[in-house]
Amino acid sequence: MILSIVTIWGGLLGVGILSAFNQAMTENMWVFFLFLPVPIVSIAFGFYLKKKGYKYKSNVIVGVIMAILLCIYGSFTFIFADLYSHSDEPIINAEQVLGIDIPEHSRINTMDKTTGNQSMPRGYVFYTSDIYFDNAVAEGFEKDLPNDAKWITDIPNDLVGVSSYYCDVIASDYYIIFNKDTGEFNKLPSESGTYVFINILYNAKDNTMKLVEYRIEYVK
């Protein structure tokens, strides 16, 4: 019975470990199914205790509850199977449009934000990509960033309004705000209007990069 309860924590630990190496957490939720034998054994043992005349209800009830929870959590893998894409296309497009080099990544999780309703307080997001790099690759990449004028180390106050909703000015170390319509880096548009931007955020501590393409209404 106790082991049945612990299976939830075991599943979360397994998902966390696996997600550190490949894909997104929702796609690794199938790990919960691996723990199903434990509550099933608890249920079977409960009926064995009943047959012998011992107390059995706690084993059966806990076993049934935990088996249902494990199935629900495990099914998230199939429910959210199409939530993320792992194609290199966002990276290739960003390199071509921005004229930058993005190093070889260990994994990429892209979410298409155009498939549903959005409640973003600022702008309309087309997609977001979370990109992960190995330490050795990240070290070489980071050495070149201070010498590349396209990357800035902080977001000036006047640019905050045209940065993406996902632009974390605390956790990130390097930024790019590129206006696809004007072809300008890290500058406000000269005229009011609707513009499409690409916002890139790089976190040197975690060796991660977030790539966001969005449309925003700018009023001068």
N, C-alpha and C. Protein backbone atom coordinates (compact mmCIF):
# COMPACT_ATOMS: atom_id res chain seq x y z
N MET A 1 0.84 -1.20 0.00
CA MET A 1 0.00 0.00 0.00
C MET A 1 0.88 1.26 0.00
N ILE A 2 1.91 1.26 0.84
CA ILE A 2 2.82 2.40 0.92
C ILE A 2 3.56 2.57 -0.40
N LEU A 3 3.99 1.47 -0.98
CA LEU A 3 4.70 1.53 -2.26
C LEU A 3 3.79 2.09 -3.36
N SER A 4 2.51 1.78 -3.27
CA SER A 4 1.57 2.29 -4.27
C SER A 4 1.50 3.82 -4.22
N ILE A 5 1.49 4.36 -3.00
CA ILE A 5 1.45 5.81 -2.83
C ILE A 5 2.73 6.45 -3.36
N VAL A 6 3.85 5.79 -3.14
CA VAL A 6 5.15 6.31 -3.54
C VAL A 6 5.33 6.32 -5.06
N THR A 7 4.52 5.52 -5.77
CA THR A 7 4.71 5.43 -7.22
C THR A 7 4.53 6.78 -7.93
N ILE A 8 3.67 7.64 -7.39
CA ILE A 8 3.48 8.96 -8.00
C ILE A 8 4.78 9.75 -7.98
N TRP A 9 5.45 9.70 -6.83
CA TRP A 9 6.73 10.42 -6.71
C TRP A 9 7.79 9.77 -7.58
N GLY A 10 7.74 8.45 -7.68
CA GLY A 10 8.68 7.76 -8.56
C GLY A 10 8.46 8.13 -10.01
N GLY A 11 7.18 8.26 -10.41
CA GLY A 11 6.87 8.66 -11.77
C GLY A 11 7.35 10.06 -12.08
N LEU A 12 7.11 10.98 -11.15
CA LEU A 12 7.56 12.37 -11.33
C LEU A 12 9.08 12.44 -11.43
N LEU A 13 9.77 11.66 -10.61
CA LEU A 13 11.23 11.65 -10.65
C LEU A 13 11.71 11.10 -11.99
N GLY A 14 11.08 10.02 -12.45
CA GLY A 14 11.47 9.43 -13.73
C GLY A 14 11.24 10.39 -14.90
N VAL A 15 10.10 11.08 -14.88
CA VAL A 15 9.80 12.05 -15.94
C VAL A 15 10.81 13.19 -15.91
N GLY A 16 11.14 13.65 -14.70
CA GLY A 16 12.10 14.74 -14.57
C GLY A 16 13.47 14.37 -15.10
N ILE A 17 13.92 13.17 -14.77
CA ILE A 17 15.24 12.71 -15.23
C ILE A 17 15.26 12.56 -16.75
N LEU A 18 14.22 11.94 -17.29
CA LEU A 18 14.15 11.71 -18.73
C LEU A 18 14.03 13.03 -19.49
N SER A 19 13.29 13.98 -18.95
CA SER A 19 13.08 15.25 -19.62
C SER A 19 14.34 16.10 -19.66
N ALA A 20 15.29 15.78 -18.79
CA ALA A 20 16.55 16.52 -18.79
C ALA A 20 17.42 16.13 -19.98
N PHE A 21 17.07 15.02 -20.63
CA PHE A 21 17.89 14.52 -21.74
C PHE A 21 17.17 14.56 -23.08
N ASN A 22 15.84 14.44 -23.07
CA ASN A 22 15.15 14.43 -24.36
C ASN A 22 13.73 14.93 -24.24
N GLN A 23 13.34 15.74 -25.18
CA GLN A 23 11.97 16.18 -25.38
C GLN A 23 11.39 16.94 -24.18
N ALA A 24 10.10 17.21 -24.24
CA ALA A 24 9.42 17.98 -23.20
C ALA A 24 8.81 17.05 -22.17
N MET A 25 8.50 17.61 -21.01
CA MET A 25 7.99 16.80 -19.91
C MET A 25 6.71 16.06 -20.29
N THR A 26 5.78 16.74 -20.98
CA THR A 26 4.52 16.09 -21.31
C THR A 26 4.71 14.86 -22.19
N GLU A 27 5.76 14.85 -22.99
CA GLU A 27 6.00 13.72 -23.89
C GLU A 27 6.66 12.54 -23.18
N ASN A 28 7.08 12.74 -21.94
CA ASN A 28 7.71 11.66 -21.17
C ASN A 28 6.81 11.13 -20.05
N MET A 29 5.55 11.57 -20.05
CA MET A 29 4.64 11.15 -18.99
C MET A 29 4.29 9.66 -19.05
N TRP A 30 4.62 9.00 -20.15
CA TRP A 30 4.37 7.56 -20.26
C TRP A 30 5.11 6.77 -19.19
N VAL A 31 6.10 7.39 -18.58
CA VAL A 31 6.89 6.73 -17.53
C VAL A 31 5.98 6.27 -16.38
N PHE A 32 4.88 6.98 -16.16
CA PHE A 32 3.97 6.61 -15.08
C PHE A 32 3.40 5.21 -15.28
N PHE A 33 3.25 4.78 -16.53
CA PHE A 33 2.72 3.45 -16.80
C PHE A 33 3.66 2.35 -16.27
N LEU A 34 4.95 2.66 -16.19
CA LEU A 34 5.92 1.67 -15.71
C LEU A 34 5.69 1.30 -14.25
N PHE A 35 5.01 2.17 -13.52
CA PHE A 35 4.77 1.92 -12.09
C PHE A 35 3.43 1.26 -11.82
N LEU A 36 2.66 0.99 -12.86
CA LEU A 36 1.34 0.36 -12.69
C LEU A 36 1.36 -0.99 -11.99
N PRO A 37 2.38 -1.83 -12.21
CA PRO A 37 2.38 -3.13 -11.52
C PRO A 37 2.31 -3.04 -10.00
N VAL A 38 2.82 -1.95 -9.41
CA VAL A 38 2.83 -1.82 -7.96
C VAL A 38 1.41 -1.73 -7.39
N PRO A 39 0.56 -0.79 -7.83
CA PRO A 39 -0.81 -0.77 -7.29
C PRO A 39 -1.63 -1.99 -7.69
N ILE A 40 -1.32 -2.58 -8.84
CA ILE A 40 -2.03 -3.80 -9.24
C ILE A 40 -1.73 -4.94 -8.27
N VAL A 41 -0.46 -5.03 -7.89
CA VAL A 41 -0.07 -6.04 -6.89
C VAL A 41 -0.73 -5.74 -5.55
N SER A 42 -0.85 -4.46 -5.21
CA SER A 42 -1.49 -4.07 -3.97
C SER A 42 -2.95 -4.52 -3.95
N ILE A 43 -3.64 -4.36 -5.09
CA ILE A 43 -5.03 -4.78 -5.20
C ILE A 43 -5.14 -6.30 -5.05
N ALA A 44 -4.27 -7.01 -5.77
CA ALA A 44 -4.29 -8.48 -5.71
C ALA A 44 -3.99 -8.97 -4.30
N PHE A 45 -3.03 -8.31 -3.65
CA PHE A 45 -2.67 -8.70 -2.29
C PHE A 45 -3.83 -8.41 -1.33
N GLY A 46 -4.58 -7.33 -1.61
CA GLY A 46 -5.73 -7.01 -0.78
C GLY A 46 -6.77 -8.10 -0.82
N PHE A 47 -7.06 -8.64 -2.01
CA PHE A 47 -8.04 -9.73 -2.13
C PHE A 47 -7.50 -11.02 -1.50
N TYR A 48 -6.21 -11.17 -1.54
CA TYR A 48 -5.60 -12.33 -0.86
C TYR A 48 -5.81 -12.21 0.64
N LEU A 49 -5.62 -11.00 1.19
CA LEU A 49 -5.85 -10.78 2.62
C LEU A 49 -7.32 -11.01 2.98
N LYS A 50 -8.22 -10.59 2.10
CA LYS A 50 -9.65 -10.79 2.33
C LYS A 50 -9.97 -12.27 2.42
N LYS A 51 -9.37 -13.03 1.53
CA LYS A 51 -9.60 -14.48 1.52
C LYS A 51 -9.12 -15.13 2.80
N LYS A 52 -8.03 -14.56 3.37
CA LYS A 52 -7.46 -15.11 4.60
C LYS A 52 -8.15 -14.57 5.85
N GLY A 53 -9.08 -13.61 5.64
CA GLY A 53 -9.81 -13.07 6.78
C GLY A 53 -9.14 -11.88 7.44
N TYR A 54 -8.17 -11.27 6.78
CA TYR A 54 -7.49 -10.10 7.34
C TYR A 54 -8.08 -8.81 6.76
N LYS A 55 -7.65 -7.68 7.34
CA LYS A 55 -8.07 -6.38 6.82
C LYS A 55 -7.48 -6.19 5.41
N TYR A 56 -8.28 -5.74 4.51
CA TYR A 56 -7.81 -5.67 3.12
C TYR A 56 -8.20 -4.40 2.37
N LYS A 57 -9.20 -3.68 2.89
CA LYS A 57 -9.77 -2.56 2.15
C LYS A 57 -8.74 -1.48 1.78
N SER A 58 -7.82 -1.18 2.70
CA SER A 58 -6.86 -0.11 2.43
C SER A 58 -5.97 -0.46 1.23
N ASN A 59 -5.56 -1.72 1.14
CA ASN A 59 -4.74 -2.14 0.00
C ASN A 59 -5.49 -2.01 -1.32
N VAL A 60 -6.74 -2.42 -1.31
CA VAL A 60 -7.54 -2.38 -2.53
C VAL A 60 -7.87 -0.95 -2.92
N ILE A 61 -8.35 -0.16 -1.96
CA ILE A 61 -8.76 1.22 -2.25
C ILE A 61 -7.57 2.06 -2.73
N VAL A 62 -6.47 1.99 -1.98
CA VAL A 62 -5.28 2.75 -2.37
C VAL A 62 -4.76 2.27 -3.71
N GLY A 63 -4.77 0.96 -3.93
CA GLY A 63 -4.29 0.41 -5.19
C GLY A 63 -5.10 0.89 -6.38
N VAL A 64 -6.44 0.92 -6.22
CA VAL A 64 -7.32 1.37 -7.30
C VAL A 64 -7.09 2.86 -7.58
N ILE A 65 -7.03 3.66 -6.53
CA ILE A 65 -6.83 5.11 -6.69
C ILE A 65 -5.51 5.41 -7.39
N MET A 66 -4.45 4.77 -6.93
CA MET A 66 -3.13 5.05 -7.51
C MET A 66 -3.03 4.53 -8.94
N ALA A 67 -3.68 3.40 -9.23
CA ALA A 67 -3.66 2.87 -10.60
C ALA A 67 -4.36 3.84 -11.55
N ILE A 68 -5.49 4.42 -11.09
CA ILE A 68 -6.22 5.40 -11.91
C ILE A 68 -5.37 6.64 -12.14
N LEU A 69 -4.72 7.14 -11.07
CA LEU A 69 -3.88 8.33 -11.20
C LEU A 69 -2.70 8.09 -12.15
N LEU A 70 -2.10 6.93 -12.03
CA LEU A 70 -0.97 6.61 -12.91
C LEU A 70 -1.41 6.56 -14.37
N CYS A 71 -2.60 6.02 -14.61
CA CYS A 71 -3.11 5.95 -15.98
C CYS A 71 -3.43 7.34 -16.52
N ILE A 72 -3.98 8.20 -15.66
CA ILE A 72 -4.32 9.56 -16.08
C ILE A 72 -3.05 10.33 -16.44
N TYR A 73 -2.06 10.30 -15.52
CA TYR A 73 -0.81 11.02 -15.78
C TYR A 73 -0.07 10.44 -16.99
N GLY A 74 -0.07 9.13 -17.10
CA GLY A 74 0.62 8.49 -18.22
C GLY A 74 0.00 8.82 -19.56
N SER A 75 -1.32 9.02 -19.56
CA SER A 75 -2.03 9.31 -20.81
C SER A 75 -1.72 10.70 -21.34
N PHE A 76 -1.11 11.57 -20.51
CA PHE A 76 -0.76 12.92 -20.98
C PHE A 76 0.17 12.86 -22.19
N THR A 77 0.98 11.81 -22.26
CA THR A 77 1.88 11.66 -23.40
C THR A 77 1.10 11.61 -24.71
N PHE A 78 -0.04 10.94 -24.70
CA PHE A 78 -0.84 10.79 -25.92
C PHE A 78 -1.77 11.99 -26.13
N ILE A 79 -2.26 12.56 -25.02
CA ILE A 79 -3.15 13.72 -25.12
C ILE A 79 -2.42 14.92 -25.70
N PHE A 80 -1.16 15.10 -25.25
CA PHE A 80 -0.38 16.26 -25.68
C PHE A 80 0.71 15.88 -26.69
N ALA A 81 0.48 14.80 -27.42
CA ALA A 81 1.49 14.30 -28.36
C ALA A 81 1.85 15.32 -29.43
N ASP A 82 0.86 16.13 -29.84
CA ASP A 82 1.10 17.10 -30.93
C ASP A 82 1.38 18.50 -30.41
N LEU A 83 1.60 18.62 -29.11
CA LEU A 83 1.81 19.94 -28.53
C LEU A 83 3.14 20.55 -28.96
N TYR A 84 4.17 19.71 -29.06
CA TYR A 84 5.51 20.18 -29.39
C TYR A 84 6.01 19.57 -30.70
N SER A 85 6.83 20.35 -31.40
CA SER A 85 7.53 19.87 -32.57
C SER A 85 9.02 19.92 -32.27
N HIS A 86 9.79 19.02 -32.89
CA HIS A 86 11.23 18.96 -32.61
C HIS A 86 12.04 19.19 -33.89
N SER A 87 11.41 19.83 -34.86
CA SER A 87 12.07 20.13 -36.12
C SER A 87 13.11 21.24 -35.94
N ASP A 88 14.16 21.20 -36.76
CA ASP A 88 15.20 22.24 -36.75
C ASP A 88 14.78 23.48 -37.53
N GLU A 89 13.61 23.48 -38.12
CA GLU A 89 13.18 24.56 -39.00
C GLU A 89 13.24 25.94 -38.35
N PRO A 90 12.77 26.14 -37.10
CA PRO A 90 12.85 27.47 -36.50
C PRO A 90 14.28 27.99 -36.38
N ILE A 91 15.22 27.10 -36.10
CA ILE A 91 16.62 27.49 -35.97
C ILE A 91 17.17 27.90 -37.34
N ILE A 92 16.89 27.10 -38.34
CA ILE A 92 17.38 27.39 -39.70
C ILE A 92 16.82 28.71 -40.20
N ASN A 93 15.53 28.93 -39.97
CA ASN A 93 14.91 30.18 -40.40
C ASN A 93 15.52 31.38 -39.70
N ALA A 94 15.74 31.25 -38.39
CA ALA A 94 16.33 32.35 -37.62
C ALA A 94 17.74 32.66 -38.10
N GLU A 95 18.52 31.64 -38.41
CA GLU A 95 19.88 31.85 -38.89
C GLU A 95 19.88 32.58 -40.23
N GLN A 96 18.96 32.21 -41.10
CA GLN A 96 18.90 32.83 -42.42
C GLN A 96 18.39 34.27 -42.36
N VAL A 97 17.36 34.50 -41.57
CA VAL A 97 16.76 35.83 -41.50
C VAL A 97 17.65 36.81 -40.73
N LEU A 98 18.24 36.34 -39.63
CA LEU A 98 19.02 37.22 -38.77
C LEU A 98 20.50 37.26 -39.14
N GLY A 99 20.95 36.30 -39.92
CA GLY A 99 22.35 36.25 -40.29
C GLY A 99 23.24 35.91 -39.11
N ILE A 100 22.78 35.00 -38.25
CA ILE A 100 23.56 34.57 -37.09
C ILE A 100 23.79 33.07 -37.16
N ASP A 101 24.72 32.59 -36.35
CA ASP A 101 24.98 31.16 -36.25
C ASP A 101 24.52 30.67 -34.88
N ILE A 102 23.64 29.69 -34.90
CA ILE A 102 23.19 29.05 -33.67
C ILE A 102 23.86 27.68 -33.61
N PRO A 103 24.58 27.38 -32.53
CA PRO A 103 25.34 26.13 -32.46
C PRO A 103 24.47 24.88 -32.47
N GLU A 104 25.11 23.76 -32.64
CA GLU A 104 24.41 22.47 -32.66
C GLU A 104 23.72 22.26 -31.32
N HIS A 105 22.44 21.97 -31.37
CA HIS A 105 21.66 21.82 -30.14
C HIS A 105 21.50 20.35 -29.77
N SER A 106 21.21 20.12 -28.51
CA SER A 106 20.95 18.76 -28.05
C SER A 106 19.47 18.41 -28.19
N ARG A 107 18.60 19.40 -28.08
CA ARG A 107 17.17 19.19 -28.33
C ARG A 107 16.47 20.52 -28.50
N ILE A 108 15.31 20.47 -29.13
CA ILE A 108 14.50 21.67 -29.34
C ILE A 108 13.03 21.31 -29.19
N ASN A 109 12.29 22.13 -28.46
CA ASN A 109 10.85 21.95 -28.28
C ASN A 109 10.15 23.20 -28.79
N THR A 110 9.39 23.04 -29.87
CA THR A 110 8.70 24.19 -30.47
C THR A 110 7.20 24.04 -30.28
N MET A 111 6.56 25.12 -29.84
CA MET A 111 5.12 25.13 -29.65
C MET A 111 4.49 26.12 -30.63
N ASP A 112 3.58 25.61 -31.45
CA ASP A 112 2.84 26.45 -32.39
C ASP A 112 1.71 27.15 -31.62
N LYS A 113 1.78 28.45 -31.53
CA LYS A 113 0.80 29.20 -30.74
C LYS A 113 -0.38 29.68 -31.57
N THR A 114 -0.39 29.36 -32.86
CA THR A 114 -1.45 29.85 -33.74
C THR A 114 -2.65 28.90 -33.81
N THR A 115 -2.56 27.76 -33.12
CA THR A 115 -3.61 26.75 -33.24
C THR A 115 -4.77 26.97 -32.28
N GLY A 116 -4.65 27.93 -31.37
CA GLY A 116 -5.73 28.18 -30.41
C GLY A 116 -5.87 29.65 -30.11
N ASN A 117 -6.78 29.95 -29.20
CA ASN A 117 -6.97 31.34 -28.79
C ASN A 117 -5.83 31.79 -27.88
N GLN A 118 -5.47 33.05 -27.99
CA GLN A 118 -4.39 33.59 -27.18
C GLN A 118 -4.92 34.65 -26.22
N SER A 119 -4.32 34.67 -25.05
CA SER A 119 -4.69 35.69 -24.05
C SER A 119 -3.45 36.46 -23.63
N MET A 120 -2.49 36.59 -24.55
CA MET A 120 -1.25 37.30 -24.25
C MET A 120 -1.55 38.79 -24.04
N PRO A 121 -0.99 39.39 -22.99
CA PRO A 121 -1.24 40.81 -22.75
C PRO A 121 -0.50 41.72 -23.73
N ARG A 122 0.44 41.16 -24.47
CA ARG A 122 1.22 42.00 -25.39
C ARG A 122 1.56 41.22 -26.66
N GLY A 123 0.93 41.61 -27.76
CA GLY A 123 1.25 41.03 -29.04
C GLY A 123 0.61 39.68 -29.30
N TYR A 124 0.82 39.20 -30.52
CA TYR A 124 0.32 37.89 -30.95
C TYR A 124 1.52 37.01 -31.27
N VAL A 125 1.63 35.86 -30.58
CA VAL A 125 2.79 34.98 -30.73
C VAL A 125 2.51 33.91 -31.77
N PHE A 126 3.43 33.74 -32.70
CA PHE A 126 3.29 32.71 -33.73
C PHE A 126 3.82 31.37 -33.22
N TYR A 127 5.00 31.39 -32.61
CA TYR A 127 5.56 30.16 -32.04
C TYR A 127 6.65 30.51 -31.04
N THR A 128 6.95 29.54 -30.19
CA THR A 128 8.09 29.66 -29.28
C THR A 128 8.90 28.38 -29.39
N SER A 129 10.22 28.52 -29.35
CA SER A 129 11.11 27.36 -29.40
C SER A 129 12.07 27.43 -28.21
N ASP A 130 12.12 26.36 -27.45
CA ASP A 130 13.10 26.23 -26.37
C ASP A 130 14.21 25.32 -26.87
N ILE A 131 15.44 25.85 -26.88
CA ILE A 131 16.58 25.14 -27.45
C ILE A 131 17.62 24.88 -26.36
N TYR A 132 18.13 23.67 -26.34
CA TYR A 132 19.08 23.26 -25.29
C TYR A 132 20.41 22.87 -25.93
N PHE A 133 21.50 23.25 -25.23
CA PHE A 133 22.84 22.98 -25.74
C PHE A 133 23.67 22.24 -24.70
N ASP A 134 24.61 21.43 -25.17
CA ASP A 134 25.57 20.79 -24.28
C ASP A 134 26.60 21.82 -23.81
N ASN A 135 27.22 21.55 -22.67
CA ASN A 135 28.16 22.52 -22.08
C ASN A 135 29.29 22.89 -23.02
N ALA A 136 29.89 21.90 -23.65
CA ALA A 136 31.05 22.16 -24.52
C ALA A 136 30.67 23.06 -25.68
N VAL A 137 29.52 22.82 -26.27
CA VAL A 137 29.06 23.63 -27.40
C VAL A 137 28.72 25.04 -26.92
N ALA A 138 28.07 25.14 -25.77
CA ALA A 138 27.66 26.44 -25.24
C ALA A 138 28.86 27.32 -24.92
N GLU A 139 29.93 26.73 -24.40
CA GLU A 139 31.11 27.51 -24.04
C GLU A 139 31.71 28.21 -25.25
N GLY A 140 31.83 27.50 -26.35
CA GLY A 140 32.36 28.09 -27.57
C GLY A 140 31.45 29.17 -28.12
N PHE A 141 30.15 28.95 -28.04
CA PHE A 141 29.17 29.91 -28.52
C PHE A 141 29.22 31.20 -27.71
N GLU A 142 29.33 31.06 -26.40
CA GLU A 142 29.32 32.22 -25.50
C GLU A 142 30.55 33.10 -25.66
N LYS A 143 31.66 32.54 -26.09
CA LYS A 143 32.88 33.33 -26.28
C LYS A 143 32.72 34.37 -27.39
N ASP A 144 31.87 34.07 -28.37
CA ASP A 144 31.70 34.96 -29.51
C ASP A 144 30.62 36.02 -29.29
N LEU A 145 29.75 35.81 -28.33
CA LEU A 145 28.62 36.71 -28.14
C LEU A 145 29.02 38.15 -27.79
N PRO A 146 30.01 38.36 -26.90
CA PRO A 146 30.37 39.75 -26.55
C PRO A 146 30.89 40.55 -27.75
N ASN A 147 31.38 39.86 -28.77
CA ASN A 147 31.94 40.55 -29.94
C ASN A 147 30.95 40.71 -31.08
N ASP A 148 29.73 40.24 -30.87
CA ASP A 148 28.70 40.32 -31.90
C ASP A 148 27.72 41.42 -31.53
N ALA A 149 27.68 42.49 -32.32
CA ALA A 149 26.84 43.66 -32.01
C ALA A 149 25.35 43.34 -32.08
N LYS A 150 24.98 42.21 -32.68
CA LYS A 150 23.58 41.86 -32.78
C LYS A 150 23.00 41.41 -31.43
N TRP A 151 23.90 40.98 -30.56
CA TRP A 151 23.47 40.52 -29.24
C TRP A 151 23.68 41.64 -28.22
N ILE A 152 22.69 41.88 -27.37
CA ILE A 152 22.82 42.87 -26.31
C ILE A 152 22.66 42.17 -24.95
N THR A 153 23.26 42.77 -23.93
CA THR A 153 23.25 42.14 -22.60
C THR A 153 22.12 42.61 -21.71
N ASP A 154 21.38 43.59 -22.14
CA ASP A 154 20.21 44.04 -21.38
C ASP A 154 19.23 44.71 -22.32
N ILE A 155 17.98 44.76 -21.90
CA ILE A 155 16.93 45.37 -22.70
C ILE A 155 16.70 46.80 -22.23
N PRO A 156 17.02 47.81 -23.05
CA PRO A 156 16.75 49.20 -22.67
C PRO A 156 15.26 49.40 -22.41
N ASN A 157 14.94 50.35 -21.57
CA ASN A 157 13.54 50.59 -21.21
C ASN A 157 12.66 50.85 -22.43
N ASP A 158 13.19 51.57 -23.41
CA ASP A 158 12.35 51.89 -24.57
C ASP A 158 12.06 50.68 -25.45
N LEU A 159 12.87 49.61 -25.31
CA LEU A 159 12.65 48.40 -26.12
C LEU A 159 11.76 47.36 -25.44
N VAL A 160 11.51 47.57 -24.16
CA VAL A 160 10.69 46.60 -23.43
C VAL A 160 9.32 46.46 -24.07
N GLY A 161 8.77 47.55 -24.56
CA GLY A 161 7.44 47.52 -25.15
C GLY A 161 7.32 46.72 -26.43
N VAL A 162 8.45 46.50 -27.13
CA VAL A 162 8.40 45.71 -28.37
C VAL A 162 9.05 44.35 -28.19
N SER A 163 9.47 44.03 -26.97
CA SER A 163 10.00 42.69 -26.70
C SER A 163 8.83 41.72 -26.56
N SER A 164 9.09 40.45 -26.61
CA SER A 164 8.02 39.47 -26.53
C SER A 164 7.53 39.31 -25.10
N TYR A 165 6.35 38.73 -24.97
CA TYR A 165 5.77 38.45 -23.65
C TYR A 165 6.69 37.53 -22.84
N TYR A 166 7.48 36.71 -23.53
CA TYR A 166 8.34 35.73 -22.87
C TYR A 166 9.73 36.28 -22.54
N CYS A 167 9.96 37.55 -22.80
CA CYS A 167 11.28 38.13 -22.60
C CYS A 167 11.56 38.32 -21.11
N ASP A 168 12.38 37.44 -20.56
CA ASP A 168 12.75 37.48 -19.14
C ASP A 168 14.04 38.28 -19.00
N VAL A 169 13.93 39.48 -18.46
CA VAL A 169 15.09 40.37 -18.36
C VAL A 169 15.96 40.04 -17.15
N ILE A 170 15.53 39.06 -16.35
CA ILE A 170 16.30 38.68 -15.16
C ILE A 170 17.11 37.41 -15.41
N ALA A 171 16.46 36.40 -15.96
CA ALA A 171 17.12 35.10 -16.11
C ALA A 171 18.04 35.02 -17.32
N SER A 172 17.81 35.85 -18.33
CA SER A 172 18.60 35.76 -19.56
C SER A 172 19.84 36.65 -19.50
N ASP A 173 20.84 36.29 -20.32
CA ASP A 173 22.11 37.02 -20.34
C ASP A 173 22.34 37.78 -21.64
N TYR A 174 21.78 37.27 -22.75
CA TYR A 174 21.94 37.93 -24.05
C TYR A 174 20.60 37.94 -24.77
N TYR A 175 20.39 38.99 -25.57
CA TYR A 175 19.10 39.19 -26.23
C TYR A 175 19.28 39.66 -27.66
N ILE A 176 18.30 39.34 -28.47
CA ILE A 176 18.16 39.93 -29.81
C ILE A 176 16.69 40.26 -30.00
N ILE A 177 16.41 41.49 -30.44
CA ILE A 177 15.05 41.87 -30.83
C ILE A 177 15.15 42.35 -32.28
N PHE A 178 14.69 41.51 -33.20
CA PHE A 178 14.84 41.79 -34.62
C PHE A 178 13.49 42.08 -35.25
N ASN A 179 13.43 43.20 -35.95
CA ASN A 179 12.22 43.61 -36.65
C ASN A 179 12.27 43.04 -38.07
N LYS A 180 11.44 42.06 -38.37
CA LYS A 180 11.45 41.42 -39.68
C LYS A 180 10.99 42.36 -40.79
N ASP A 181 10.16 43.32 -40.46
CA ASP A 181 9.63 44.23 -41.47
C ASP A 181 10.63 45.32 -41.86
N THR A 182 11.41 45.78 -40.90
CA THR A 182 12.39 46.84 -41.19
C THR A 182 13.81 46.31 -41.32
N GLY A 183 14.05 45.07 -40.86
CA GLY A 183 15.39 44.50 -40.92
C GLY A 183 16.35 45.08 -39.91
N GLU A 184 15.82 45.70 -38.84
CA GLU A 184 16.66 46.35 -37.84
C GLU A 184 16.79 45.52 -36.58
N PHE A 185 17.97 45.59 -35.97
CA PHE A 185 18.23 44.90 -34.72
C PHE A 185 18.13 45.87 -33.54
N ASN A 186 17.39 45.45 -32.53
CA ASN A 186 17.36 46.15 -31.24
C ASN A 186 17.07 47.64 -31.37
N LYS A 187 16.10 47.97 -32.25
CA LYS A 187 15.71 49.36 -32.45
C LYS A 187 14.20 49.47 -32.50
N LEU A 188 13.70 50.63 -32.05
CA LEU A 188 12.28 50.90 -32.18
C LEU A 188 11.96 51.28 -33.62
N PRO A 189 10.77 50.93 -34.11
CA PRO A 189 10.38 51.36 -35.46
C PRO A 189 10.31 52.88 -35.53
N SER A 190 10.59 53.43 -36.66
CA SER A 190 10.56 54.89 -36.83
C SER A 190 9.13 55.41 -36.97
N GLU A 191 8.18 54.50 -37.29
CA GLU A 191 6.80 54.90 -37.45
C GLU A 191 5.88 53.93 -36.72
N SER A 192 4.72 54.41 -36.35
CA SER A 192 3.71 53.55 -35.72
C SER A 192 3.21 52.53 -36.74
N GLY A 193 2.81 51.37 -36.26
CA GLY A 193 2.30 50.34 -37.16
C GLY A 193 2.36 48.96 -36.53
N THR A 194 2.02 47.96 -37.33
CA THR A 194 2.06 46.57 -36.89
C THR A 194 3.31 45.92 -37.46
N TYR A 195 4.12 45.32 -36.60
CA TYR A 195 5.40 44.76 -37.01
C TYR A 195 5.55 43.32 -36.49
N VAL A 196 6.30 42.55 -37.24
CA VAL A 196 6.63 41.18 -36.82
C VAL A 196 8.07 41.18 -36.32
N PHE A 197 8.26 40.65 -35.12
CA PHE A 197 9.58 40.61 -34.50
C PHE A 197 10.01 39.17 -34.23
N ILE A 198 11.32 39.00 -34.11
CA ILE A 198 11.90 37.77 -33.59
C ILE A 198 12.69 38.16 -32.35
N ASN A 199 12.35 37.54 -31.26
CA ASN A 199 13.03 37.80 -29.98
C ASN A 199 13.79 36.54 -29.58
N ILE A 200 15.10 36.68 -29.35
CA ILE A 200 15.91 35.55 -28.91
C ILE A 200 16.48 35.86 -27.54
N LEU A 201 16.38 34.92 -26.63
CA LEU A 201 16.92 35.07 -25.29
C LEU A 201 17.87 33.91 -25.02
N TYR A 202 19.05 34.23 -24.51
CA TYR A 202 20.02 33.17 -24.21
C TYR A 202 20.40 33.21 -22.74
N ASN A 203 20.29 32.06 -22.09
CA ASN A 203 20.64 31.90 -20.68
C ASN A 203 21.95 31.13 -20.59
N ALA A 204 23.02 31.82 -20.22
CA ALA A 204 24.35 31.20 -20.19
C ALA A 204 24.48 30.20 -19.05
N LYS A 205 23.74 30.39 -17.99
CA LYS A 205 23.83 29.48 -16.84
C LYS A 205 23.27 28.11 -17.17
N ASP A 206 22.12 28.10 -17.84
CA ASP A 206 21.45 26.83 -18.16
C ASP A 206 21.74 26.33 -19.56
N ASN A 207 22.49 27.11 -20.35
CA ASN A 207 22.78 26.73 -21.75
C ASN A 207 21.50 26.53 -22.56
N THR A 208 20.59 27.48 -22.38
CA THR A 208 19.30 27.38 -23.08
C THR A 208 19.02 28.66 -23.86
N MET A 209 18.25 28.51 -24.91
CA MET A 209 17.86 29.64 -25.74
C MET A 209 16.37 29.56 -26.02
N LYS A 210 15.71 30.71 -25.96
CA LYS A 210 14.29 30.77 -26.32
C LYS A 210 14.16 31.65 -27.56
N LEU A 211 13.45 31.12 -28.52
CA LEU A 211 13.23 31.81 -29.79
C LEU A 211 11.73 32.07 -29.94
N VAL A 212 11.37 33.34 -30.10
CA VAL A 212 9.96 33.71 -30.18
C VAL A 212 9.72 34.59 -31.40
N GLU A 213 8.73 34.24 -32.19
CA GLU A 213 8.31 35.10 -33.31
C GLU A 213 6.90 35.60 -33.00
N TYR A 214 6.69 36.90 -33.13
CA TYR A 214 5.43 37.48 -32.71
C TYR A 214 5.12 38.75 -33.50
N ARG A 215 3.87 39.13 -33.45
CA ARG A 215 3.40 40.37 -34.10
C ARG A 215 2.93 41.32 -33.02
N ILE A 216 3.32 42.59 -33.15
CA ILE A 216 2.96 43.55 -32.11
C ILE A 216 2.58 44.88 -32.75
N GLU A 217 1.65 45.56 -32.11
CA GLU A 217 1.22 46.87 -32.55
C GLU A 217 2.05 47.94 -31.84
N TYR A 218 2.75 48.72 -32.61
CA TYR A 218 3.63 49.74 -32.03
C TYR A 218 3.04 51.13 -32.29
N VAL A 219 2.93 51.90 -31.22
CA VAL A 219 2.46 53.27 -31.34
C VAL A 219 3.59 54.19 -30.90
N LYS A 220 4.03 55.03 -31.80
CA LYS A 220 5.16 55.92 -31.50
C LYS A 220 4.72 57.09 -30.62
